[in-house]
Amino acid sequence: MIVSLWQGDSYRKMQRLKKLLLLFKNSCGDSAFLGAIEQVEGIVSKILSVVMIAVILVAMFDLIIVLSQQLLVEPFGFFNESLFEIFGLFLNVLIALEILENITAYLRKHVVQVELVIVTSLIAVARKIIILNLDKTGGLEIIGLALAILSLSISYWIIRRTTAKKTH
């Protein structure tokens, strides 16, 4: 009798184990797995959006502080420090907004929009050039920036051209 109880208990354990393995097998199917990946991507994108909003607000606060300090220092109404630093701060905010746009576009369509990424990259390189100190910059760095602009511009042109052909 004890053996039959043990065998019955063992049988129930085996059935539970089979059900658990079947459940695991079904949840590891391609569609379930891809669904889980999409959920994780969505959560990460939403967290990135919130963090990017915080970055934008901090950048705006920094810009407001720098502008108010520059406007309230003698001589009043003139920018005593480099105007290029202020342009750099403006462009920081614009770059952060473009990155937020990239994230929200991904949340809407679940694809990375290459055109937005290239435009964001062009703004970042333009920012680098605007705040560039030519006294401390070597020729190799300038050539690198030029190549980056050329590459990004050609990429943008190709993407715009192929997008225009698809719409016609």
Protein backbone atom coordinates (compact mmCIF):
# COMPACT_ATOMS: atom_id res chain seq x y z
CA MET A 1 0.00 0.00 0.00
CA ILE A 2 2.80 2.43 0.85
CA VAL A 3 4.43 1.65 -2.50
CA SER A 4 1.21 2.37 -4.37
CA LEU A 5 0.78 5.69 -2.52
CA TRP A 6 4.34 6.61 -3.36
CA GLN A 7 3.80 5.63 -6.99
CA GLY A 8 0.61 7.69 -7.13
CA ASP A 9 2.39 10.67 -5.61
CA SER A 10 5.25 10.17 -8.03
CA TYR A 11 2.78 9.99 -10.92
CA ARG A 12 1.18 13.31 -9.88
CA LYS A 13 4.61 14.92 -9.62
CA MET A 14 5.49 13.68 -13.10
CA GLN A 15 2.21 15.06 -14.46
CA ARG A 16 2.89 18.44 -12.86
CA LEU A 17 6.40 18.41 -14.26
CA LYS A 18 5.07 17.58 -17.73
CA LYS A 19 2.57 20.44 -17.50
CA LEU A 20 5.30 22.80 -16.35
CA LEU A 21 7.58 21.76 -19.20
CA LEU A 22 4.75 22.11 -21.69
CA LEU A 23 3.97 25.58 -20.34
CA PHE A 24 7.66 26.50 -20.59
CA LYS A 25 7.82 25.13 -24.15
CA ASN A 26 4.75 27.14 -25.19
CA SER A 27 6.05 30.33 -23.60
CA CYS A 28 9.37 29.92 -25.38
CA GLY A 29 7.75 29.81 -28.80
CA ASP A 30 8.80 32.42 -31.30
CA SER A 31 5.70 34.59 -31.03
CA ALA A 32 5.65 34.54 -27.22
CA PHE A 33 9.37 35.25 -27.05
CA LEU A 34 9.11 38.12 -29.54
CA GLY A 35 6.16 39.49 -27.60
CA ALA A 36 8.23 39.49 -24.41
CA ILE A 37 11.06 41.26 -26.21
CA GLU A 38 8.64 43.92 -27.49
CA GLN A 39 7.34 44.45 -23.96
CA VAL A 40 10.88 44.93 -22.64
CA GLU A 41 11.66 47.32 -25.52
CA GLY A 42 8.53 49.31 -24.70
CA ILE A 43 9.40 49.55 -21.02
CA VAL A 44 12.99 50.59 -21.76
CA SER A 45 11.80 53.19 -24.29
CA LYS A 46 9.38 54.67 -21.78
CA ILE A 47 12.07 54.84 -19.10
CA LEU A 48 14.44 56.49 -21.60
CA SER A 49 11.72 59.03 -22.45
CA VAL A 50 11.25 59.99 -18.81
CA VAL A 51 15.01 60.24 -18.27
CA MET A 52 15.39 62.33 -21.44
CA ILE A 53 12.68 64.71 -20.22
CA ALA A 54 14.65 65.12 -16.99
CA VAL A 55 17.81 65.81 -19.02
CA ILE A 56 15.97 68.42 -21.11
CA LEU A 57 14.64 70.15 -18.00
CA VAL A 58 18.12 70.24 -16.41
CA ALA A 59 19.63 71.55 -19.66
CA MET A 60 16.95 74.26 -19.83
CA PHE A 61 17.61 75.20 -16.21
CA ASP A 62 21.35 75.40 -16.96
CA LEU A 63 20.67 77.57 -20.01
CA ILE A 64 18.42 79.91 -18.03
CA ILE A 65 21.04 80.25 -15.28
CA VAL A 66 23.85 81.02 -17.74
CA LEU A 67 21.70 83.51 -19.69
CA SER A 68 20.52 85.30 -16.56
CA GLN A 69 24.08 85.50 -15.20
CA GLN A 70 25.34 86.91 -18.48
CA LEU A 71 22.55 89.47 -18.74
CA LEU A 72 22.83 90.66 -15.13
CA VAL A 73 26.61 91.14 -15.05
CA GLU A 74 28.12 94.48 -15.93
CA PRO A 75 27.94 95.77 -18.59
CA PHE A 76 24.25 94.94 -18.45
CA GLY A 77 22.66 93.33 -21.48
CA PHE A 78 25.93 92.21 -23.03
CA PHE A 79 27.31 88.73 -23.12
CA ASN A 80 30.62 88.86 -21.30
CA GLU A 81 31.51 85.22 -21.87
CA SER A 82 31.70 83.56 -25.19
CA LEU A 83 28.45 83.68 -27.08
CA PHE A 84 29.44 80.30 -28.51
CA GLU A 85 29.05 78.72 -25.06
CA ILE A 86 25.46 79.93 -25.00
CA PHE A 87 24.88 78.62 -28.53
CA GLY A 88 26.28 75.29 -27.35
CA LEU A 89 23.78 75.21 -24.50
CA PHE A 90 20.93 75.95 -26.92
CA LEU A 91 22.09 73.17 -29.19
CA ASN A 92 22.34 70.79 -26.22
CA VAL A 93 18.64 71.33 -25.62
CA LEU A 94 17.87 70.85 -29.33
CA ILE A 95 19.89 67.63 -29.44
CA ALA A 96 18.09 66.33 -26.34
CA LEU A 97 14.74 67.20 -27.96
CA GLU A 98 15.75 65.34 -31.12
CA ILE A 99 16.75 62.28 -29.09
CA LEU A 100 13.40 62.43 -27.30
CA GLU A 101 11.73 62.64 -30.72
CA ASN A 102 13.68 59.53 -31.78
CA ILE A 103 12.48 57.66 -28.71
CA THR A 104 8.85 58.72 -29.11
CA ALA A 105 8.94 57.88 -32.82
CA TYR A 106 10.18 54.43 -31.86
CA LEU A 107 7.35 54.07 -29.33
CA ARG A 108 4.80 55.03 -32.00
CA LYS A 109 6.04 52.92 -34.90
CA HIS A 110 8.40 50.39 -33.26
CA VAL A 111 11.11 51.15 -35.81
CA VAL A 112 14.19 53.31 -35.59
CA GLN A 113 13.77 56.19 -38.01
CA VAL A 114 17.18 56.54 -39.60
CA GLU A 115 16.43 60.01 -40.95
CA LEU A 116 15.83 61.33 -37.44
CA VAL A 117 19.02 59.70 -36.18
CA ILE A 118 21.06 61.30 -38.97
CA VAL A 119 19.52 64.73 -38.37
CA THR A 120 20.30 64.41 -34.66
CA SER A 121 23.86 63.45 -35.52
CA LEU A 122 24.19 66.43 -37.86
CA ILE A 123 23.00 68.77 -35.09
CA ALA A 124 25.52 67.22 -32.68
CA VAL A 125 28.39 67.69 -35.13
CA ALA A 126 27.22 71.24 -35.88
CA ARG A 127 27.25 71.95 -32.15
CA LYS A 128 30.79 70.64 -31.94
CA ILE A 129 31.86 72.93 -34.78
CA ILE A 130 30.10 75.97 -33.34
CA ILE A 131 31.80 75.65 -29.95
CA LEU A 132 35.12 74.55 -31.48
CA ASN A 133 38.17 76.40 -30.19
CA LEU A 134 40.42 76.63 -33.23
CA ASP A 135 43.43 77.54 -31.08
CA LYS A 136 43.28 74.18 -29.29
CA THR A 137 42.09 72.02 -32.18
CA GLY A 138 44.42 70.10 -34.43
CA GLY A 139 44.06 69.67 -38.14
CA LEU A 140 43.29 65.97 -37.82
CA GLU A 141 40.27 66.69 -35.63
CA ILE A 142 38.98 69.27 -38.13
CA ILE A 143 39.41 66.76 -40.97
CA GLY A 144 37.51 64.19 -38.90
CA LEU A 145 34.64 66.61 -38.31
CA ALA A 146 34.57 67.46 -42.01
CA LEU A 147 34.40 63.78 -42.92
CA ALA A 148 31.64 63.24 -40.37
CA ILE A 149 29.61 66.09 -41.85
CA LEU A 150 30.20 64.86 -45.38
CA SER A 151 29.23 61.28 -44.50
CA LEU A 152 26.12 62.32 -42.58
CA SER A 153 25.07 64.74 -45.32
CA ILE A 154 25.43 62.09 -48.03
CA SER A 155 23.51 59.61 -45.86
CA TYR A 156 20.74 62.14 -45.29
CA TRP A 157 20.57 62.92 -49.02
CA ILE A 158 20.34 59.21 -49.92
CA ILE A 159 17.59 58.57 -47.38
CA ARG A 160 15.59 61.64 -48.43
CA ARG A 161 15.95 60.65 -52.07
CA THR A 162 14.77 57.07 -51.49
CA THR A 163 11.91 58.26 -49.30
CA ALA A 164 10.81 60.74 -51.99
CA LYS A 165 10.82 57.96 -54.60
CA LYS A 166 8.65 55.75 -52.39
CA THR A 167 6.02 58.48 -51.93
CA HIS A 168 5.71 59.17 -55.67
